[in-house]
Protein backbone atom coordinates (compact mmCIF):
# COMPACT_ATOMS: atom_id res chain seq x y z
CA MET A 1 -24.74 23.54 -87.22
CA THR A 2 -22.67 20.42 -87.47
CA ASN A 3 -21.11 19.47 -91.01
CA ILE A 4 -22.90 16.29 -92.08
CA LEU A 5 -19.98 16.08 -94.91
CA GLU A 6 -17.17 16.40 -92.20
CA LYS A 7 -18.85 13.73 -89.73
CA ILE A 8 -19.38 11.39 -92.68
CA ILE A 9 -15.69 11.86 -94.00
CA SER A 10 -14.79 11.05 -90.70
CA ASP A 11 -16.75 7.87 -90.17
CA LYS A 12 -15.61 6.85 -93.79
CA LYS A 13 -12.12 6.88 -92.83
CA GLU A 14 -12.41 4.18 -90.20
CA SER A 15 -14.60 1.85 -91.65
CA LEU A 16 -12.40 1.76 -94.26
CA ARG A 17 -9.18 1.43 -92.38
CA LEU A 18 -11.07 -1.73 -90.81
CA PHE A 19 -12.17 -2.89 -94.32
CA LYS A 20 -8.61 -2.94 -95.84
CA LYS A 21 -7.28 -5.21 -93.08
CA GLU A 22 -9.44 -8.13 -94.28
CA ASN A 23 -9.57 -7.10 -98.45
CA SER A 24 -6.19 -6.79 -99.95
CA ILE A 25 -5.78 -4.66 -103.33
CA ASN A 26 -4.28 -8.04 -104.74
CA LEU A 27 -7.57 -10.12 -103.52
CA LEU A 28 -9.87 -6.97 -105.51
CA GLU A 29 -7.97 -7.49 -108.53
CA LYS A 30 -8.53 -11.00 -108.31
CA LYS A 31 -12.05 -10.36 -108.13
CA ILE A 32 -12.42 -7.98 -110.94
CA LYS A 33 -10.82 -10.15 -113.47
CA GLU A 34 -13.53 -12.46 -112.61
CA LEU A 35 -16.39 -10.37 -113.52
CA ASN A 36 -17.63 -9.55 -116.95
CA CYS A 37 -20.24 -7.19 -116.55
CA PHE A 38 -18.84 -3.58 -117.19
CA PHE A 39 -20.34 -0.84 -119.35
CA ASP A 40 -18.85 2.44 -120.64
CA PHE A 41 -21.19 4.82 -118.26
CA LYS A 42 -20.05 8.20 -120.11
CA ASN A 43 -20.32 7.01 -123.23
CA THR A 44 -23.95 5.83 -122.70
CA ILE A 45 -24.49 9.47 -121.66
CA HIS A 46 -22.39 10.89 -123.97
CA LYS A 47 -24.04 8.99 -127.02
CA ASN A 48 -27.67 9.66 -125.65
CA LYS A 49 -29.03 12.62 -127.68
CA LYS A 50 -32.14 12.70 -125.53
CA ILE A 51 -32.56 13.02 -121.85
CA SER A 52 -30.50 11.29 -119.85
CA LEU A 53 -31.95 9.91 -116.42
CA ILE A 54 -29.54 8.70 -113.92
CA SER A 55 -32.09 6.87 -111.32
CA GLU A 56 -30.62 6.59 -107.76
CA ILE A 57 -31.36 3.61 -105.57
CA LYS A 58 -31.10 4.76 -101.85
CA ARG A 59 -32.91 3.46 -98.83
CA ALA A 60 -32.06 6.44 -96.43
CA SER A 61 -30.33 9.84 -96.14
CA PRO A 62 -29.11 12.27 -93.47
CA SER A 63 -31.74 14.90 -94.98
CA ALA A 64 -34.56 12.51 -95.44
CA GLY A 65 -34.23 9.74 -92.89
CA ILE A 66 -35.79 6.17 -93.96
CA ILE A 67 -36.69 6.91 -97.50
CA ILE A 68 -38.03 3.24 -98.19
CA LYS A 69 -39.20 0.93 -95.23
CA ASP A 70 -39.92 -2.05 -97.57
CA PHE A 71 -36.62 -1.79 -99.50
CA ASN A 72 -35.94 -4.01 -102.43
CA HIS A 73 -32.98 -2.64 -104.61
CA LEU A 74 -33.52 -5.57 -107.28
CA ASP A 75 -37.53 -4.00 -107.48
CA ILE A 76 -36.40 -1.05 -107.76
CA ALA A 77 -33.59 -1.41 -110.36
CA LYS A 78 -36.29 -2.99 -112.34
CA MET A 79 -38.81 -0.53 -112.15
CA TYR A 80 -36.00 2.20 -113.14
CA ILE A 81 -34.89 0.14 -116.05
CA ASP A 82 -38.26 -0.99 -117.53
CA ASN A 83 -39.25 2.49 -117.71
CA GLY A 84 -36.17 3.89 -119.26
CA ALA A 85 -33.56 4.93 -116.98
CA THR A 86 -30.19 5.63 -118.79
CA CYS A 87 -27.90 4.26 -116.03
CA LEU A 88 -28.34 3.94 -112.21
CA SER A 89 -26.73 5.61 -109.20
CA VAL A 90 -26.51 2.66 -106.22
CA LEU A 91 -25.94 4.44 -102.98
CA THR A 92 -22.81 2.15 -101.36
CA GLU A 93 -22.16 4.17 -97.91
CA GLU A 94 -23.59 2.20 -95.27
CA LYS A 95 -24.04 4.00 -91.81
CA TYR A 96 -25.73 7.40 -93.28
CA PHE A 97 -27.64 5.72 -96.58
CA LEU A 98 -27.72 2.35 -95.42
CA GLY A 99 -26.27 1.41 -98.70
CA ASN A 100 -24.03 -2.08 -99.59
CA LEU A 101 -21.71 -2.59 -102.51
CA GLN A 102 -23.02 -6.07 -102.59
CA HIS A 103 -26.35 -4.27 -104.32
CA ILE A 104 -24.33 -3.39 -107.33
CA LEU A 105 -23.02 -6.52 -108.03
CA ASP A 106 -26.80 -8.28 -107.10
CA ILE A 107 -28.24 -5.72 -109.90
CA LYS A 108 -25.82 -6.64 -112.59
CA LYS A 109 -26.26 -10.41 -112.10
CA ASN A 110 -29.61 -9.25 -113.40
CA TYR A 111 -29.57 -6.61 -115.61
CA LYS A 112 -27.08 -4.80 -118.16
CA ILE A 113 -26.83 -1.25 -117.45
CA PRO A 114 -23.99 1.04 -116.22
CA ILE A 115 -23.71 1.76 -112.45
CA LEU A 116 -22.42 4.65 -110.60
CA ALA A 117 -21.15 3.47 -107.30
CA LYS A 118 -22.54 6.45 -105.00
CA ASP A 119 -20.51 7.24 -101.89
CA PHE A 120 -17.70 9.25 -100.42
CA PHE A 121 -14.28 8.45 -102.36
CA ILE A 122 -11.42 9.36 -99.81
CA ASP A 123 -8.96 6.56 -100.93
CA PRO A 124 -7.70 5.32 -104.38
CA TYR A 125 -8.18 1.94 -102.78
CA GLN A 126 -11.89 2.32 -102.99
CA VAL A 127 -12.08 2.52 -106.75
CA ALA A 128 -10.64 -0.92 -107.13
CA LEU A 129 -13.08 -2.02 -104.16
CA SER A 130 -16.35 -0.40 -106.06
CA LYS A 131 -15.29 -2.35 -109.50
CA SER A 132 -14.81 -5.36 -107.58
CA PHE A 133 -18.46 -5.44 -106.97
CA GLY A 134 -19.24 -4.16 -110.56
CA CYS A 135 -19.45 -0.26 -110.72
CA ASP A 136 -18.64 1.28 -114.04
CA CYS A 137 -18.38 5.00 -112.44
CA ILE A 138 -17.04 6.24 -108.82
CA LEU A 139 -17.92 9.78 -107.77
CA ILE A 140 -15.22 12.52 -106.63
CA ILE A 141 -16.94 15.10 -104.28
CA ILE A 142 -14.51 18.38 -104.53
CA SER A 143 -15.74 19.53 -101.24
CA ALA A 144 -14.43 16.37 -99.46
CA LEU A 145 -11.05 15.87 -100.88
CA GLU A 146 -7.65 17.84 -100.74
CA ASN A 147 -6.56 18.41 -104.61
CA LYS A 148 -3.77 15.78 -104.65
CA LEU A 149 -6.02 13.25 -103.40
CA ALA A 150 -8.84 13.83 -105.77
CA ASP A 151 -5.85 13.76 -108.58
CA GLU A 152 -4.89 10.10 -106.99
CA ILE A 153 -8.52 9.11 -107.13
CA TYR A 154 -9.38 9.96 -110.60
CA SER A 155 -6.00 8.82 -112.13
CA GLU A 156 -6.64 5.27 -110.45
CA ALA A 157 -10.31 5.48 -111.69
CA LEU A 158 -9.13 6.26 -115.47
CA SER A 159 -6.74 3.37 -115.17
CA GLN A 160 -9.03 0.82 -113.59
CA GLY A 161 -11.31 2.12 -116.92
CA LEU A 162 -13.98 3.27 -114.82
CA SER A 163 -15.90 6.68 -115.79
CA VAL A 164 -15.70 9.28 -113.03
CA ILE A 165 -18.46 12.00 -112.05
CA VAL A 166 -16.46 15.25 -110.44
CA GLU A 167 -19.39 16.62 -108.30
CA VAL A 168 -19.20 20.68 -107.28
CA HIS A 169 -21.54 23.10 -105.51
CA ASP A 170 -20.20 26.31 -106.15
CA LYS A 171 -17.98 28.35 -108.70
CA LYS A 172 -14.64 27.75 -106.97
CA GLU A 173 -15.31 23.80 -106.96
CA ALA A 174 -16.59 24.24 -110.53
CA GLU A 175 -13.57 25.60 -111.57
CA ALA A 176 -11.24 23.26 -109.85
CA ALA A 177 -13.02 20.26 -111.50
CA LEU A 178 -12.11 21.51 -114.98
CA LYS A 179 -8.91 20.10 -115.44
CA TYR A 180 -10.57 16.69 -115.04
CA GLU A 181 -11.42 16.76 -118.84
CA LYS A 182 -12.19 12.73 -119.02
CA ALA A 183 -14.52 13.20 -115.98
CA LEU A 184 -18.48 14.09 -116.05
CA ILE A 185 -18.76 17.10 -113.94
CA GLY A 186 -22.18 16.70 -111.79
CA ILE A 187 -23.53 19.80 -110.58
CA ASN A 188 -24.86 19.33 -106.76
CA ASN A 189 -28.22 21.54 -106.02
CA ARG A 190 -27.92 20.18 -102.47
CA ASN A 191 -25.29 22.16 -99.96
CA LEU A 192 -23.43 18.81 -98.63
CA LYS A 193 -22.29 20.62 -95.61
CA THR A 194 -25.86 22.17 -94.79
CA LEU A 195 -28.15 19.90 -96.62
CA GLU A 196 -29.90 23.08 -98.36
CA VAL A 197 -31.27 22.68 -102.04
CA SER A 198 -31.80 24.82 -104.82
CA ILE A 199 -32.05 24.11 -108.33
CA ASN A 200 -30.94 27.40 -109.54
CA ASN A 201 -27.57 26.32 -108.27
CA THR A 202 -27.10 24.57 -111.90
CA ILE A 203 -28.07 27.86 -113.47
CA SER A 204 -25.58 29.44 -111.61
CA ILE A 205 -22.60 27.01 -111.98
CA PHE A 206 -23.42 26.45 -115.46
CA GLU A 207 -21.36 29.50 -117.03
CA VAL A 208 -18.32 28.38 -115.50
CA VAL A 209 -18.38 24.70 -116.69
CA LYS A 210 -20.24 25.15 -119.85
CA ASN A 211 -17.33 24.47 -122.14
CA HIS A 212 -16.25 21.39 -120.36
CA LYS A 213 -15.52 18.54 -122.67
CA SER A 214 -17.45 15.69 -121.07
CA PRO A 215 -21.09 16.07 -120.21
CA LEU A 216 -22.54 17.89 -117.13
CA LEU A 217 -25.10 16.21 -114.80
CA SER A 218 -27.44 18.14 -112.65
CA GLU A 219 -28.06 16.41 -109.19
CA SER A 220 -30.50 16.75 -106.37
CA GLY A 221 -33.56 18.53 -105.84
CA ILE A 222 -35.30 17.94 -109.05
CA LYS A 223 -38.77 17.47 -108.01
CA ASN A 224 -40.78 16.76 -111.19
CA GLU A 225 -40.27 17.23 -115.03
CA LYS A 226 -40.88 20.81 -114.70
CA ASP A 227 -37.88 21.23 -112.75
CA ALA A 228 -35.88 19.40 -115.31
CA LYS A 229 -37.44 21.25 -118.05
CA TYR A 230 -36.33 24.61 -116.29
CA ILE A 231 -33.08 23.69 -116.25
CA TYR A 232 -32.68 22.58 -119.51
CA ASP A 233 -34.21 25.68 -120.90
CA GLN A 234 -31.72 27.85 -118.81
CA THR A 235 -28.79 25.51 -119.85
CA GLY A 236 -29.13 22.87 -122.21
CA ILE A 237 -28.28 20.39 -119.64
CA LYS A 238 -29.93 17.27 -120.28
CA ASN A 239 -28.64 14.56 -118.13
CA PHE A 240 -30.14 14.50 -114.57
CA LEU A 241 -29.51 12.67 -111.22
CA ILE A 242 -32.72 12.25 -109.32
CA GLY A 243 -33.39 9.70 -106.06
CA GLU A 244 -35.80 10.85 -103.61
CA SER A 245 -37.98 12.41 -105.95
CA LEU A 246 -38.39 9.02 -107.67
CA LEU A 247 -38.33 6.77 -104.56
CA LYS A 248 -41.15 8.80 -102.67
CA SER A 249 -43.52 9.43 -105.86
CA ASP A 250 -46.92 7.68 -105.83
CA ASN A 251 -46.01 6.91 -109.34
CA PRO A 252 -42.56 6.78 -110.05
CA GLU A 253 -42.98 5.09 -113.42
CA GLY A 254 -45.18 8.00 -114.60
CA LEU A 255 -42.58 10.45 -113.54
CA ILE A 256 -39.42 8.55 -115.13
CA ARG A 257 -41.70 8.78 -118.27
CA LYS A 258 -42.28 12.23 -117.98
CA LEU A 259 -38.60 13.07 -117.26
CA ILE A 260 -36.97 11.35 -120.15
CA HIS A 261 -39.66 12.67 -122.65
CA ILE A 262 -38.99 16.60 -121.81
CA ILE A 263 -37.27 17.19 -124.84
CA GLN A 264 -38.43 14.83 -127.88
């Protein structure tokens, strides 16, 4: 089986090379200074004593194909916010997820909510790039980066005043993530190399990261409130990043309300 992650990263390097030619760091910094729509993603989750739901906006994925044919990011954002989402995750990778950074800026012009730029960060340049479109948090996928590069992206994000989610899928990656003390750690239940999913991945990895000083998230594969409650009962993790289950649901509004009320 082709390693999906490697292919995405390879294509990302090329698209980023082309983008850099037309968008200097100085231009990005100028755009950032003109924005006044930033929020503290990490603290919003940290101070929430109940369930924090990071609801994801994406049109497609390598595992699911086209998720929504009549895709409207603003309509989806409104539905999430109206029903109690804590933060949003917006896919910005263009080739495999059909995302766009402009979606973040569009949402920020209409709503006040912290937003994660969900992309494959392989260059510190992408931190300023994403912030220039209004994001409040960036993603570091441990399996996609060498340690030095992950350190550089993490440091750049903190210097830009952004929150960071460090995403892990196995115990070795979880141990490596512990040094990023100011980052949230997201346990991905989907193996990005094979796309296989198991919510028990959160359970098995929790022991490694349970003493981490910043919030923990469970990501991917959570189909309903029973899955979320199972993870919470086993680990105490109460922060969930959920996308496809909401986007494919016949009643996403009801599902959100059920998810955020698994604990009172």
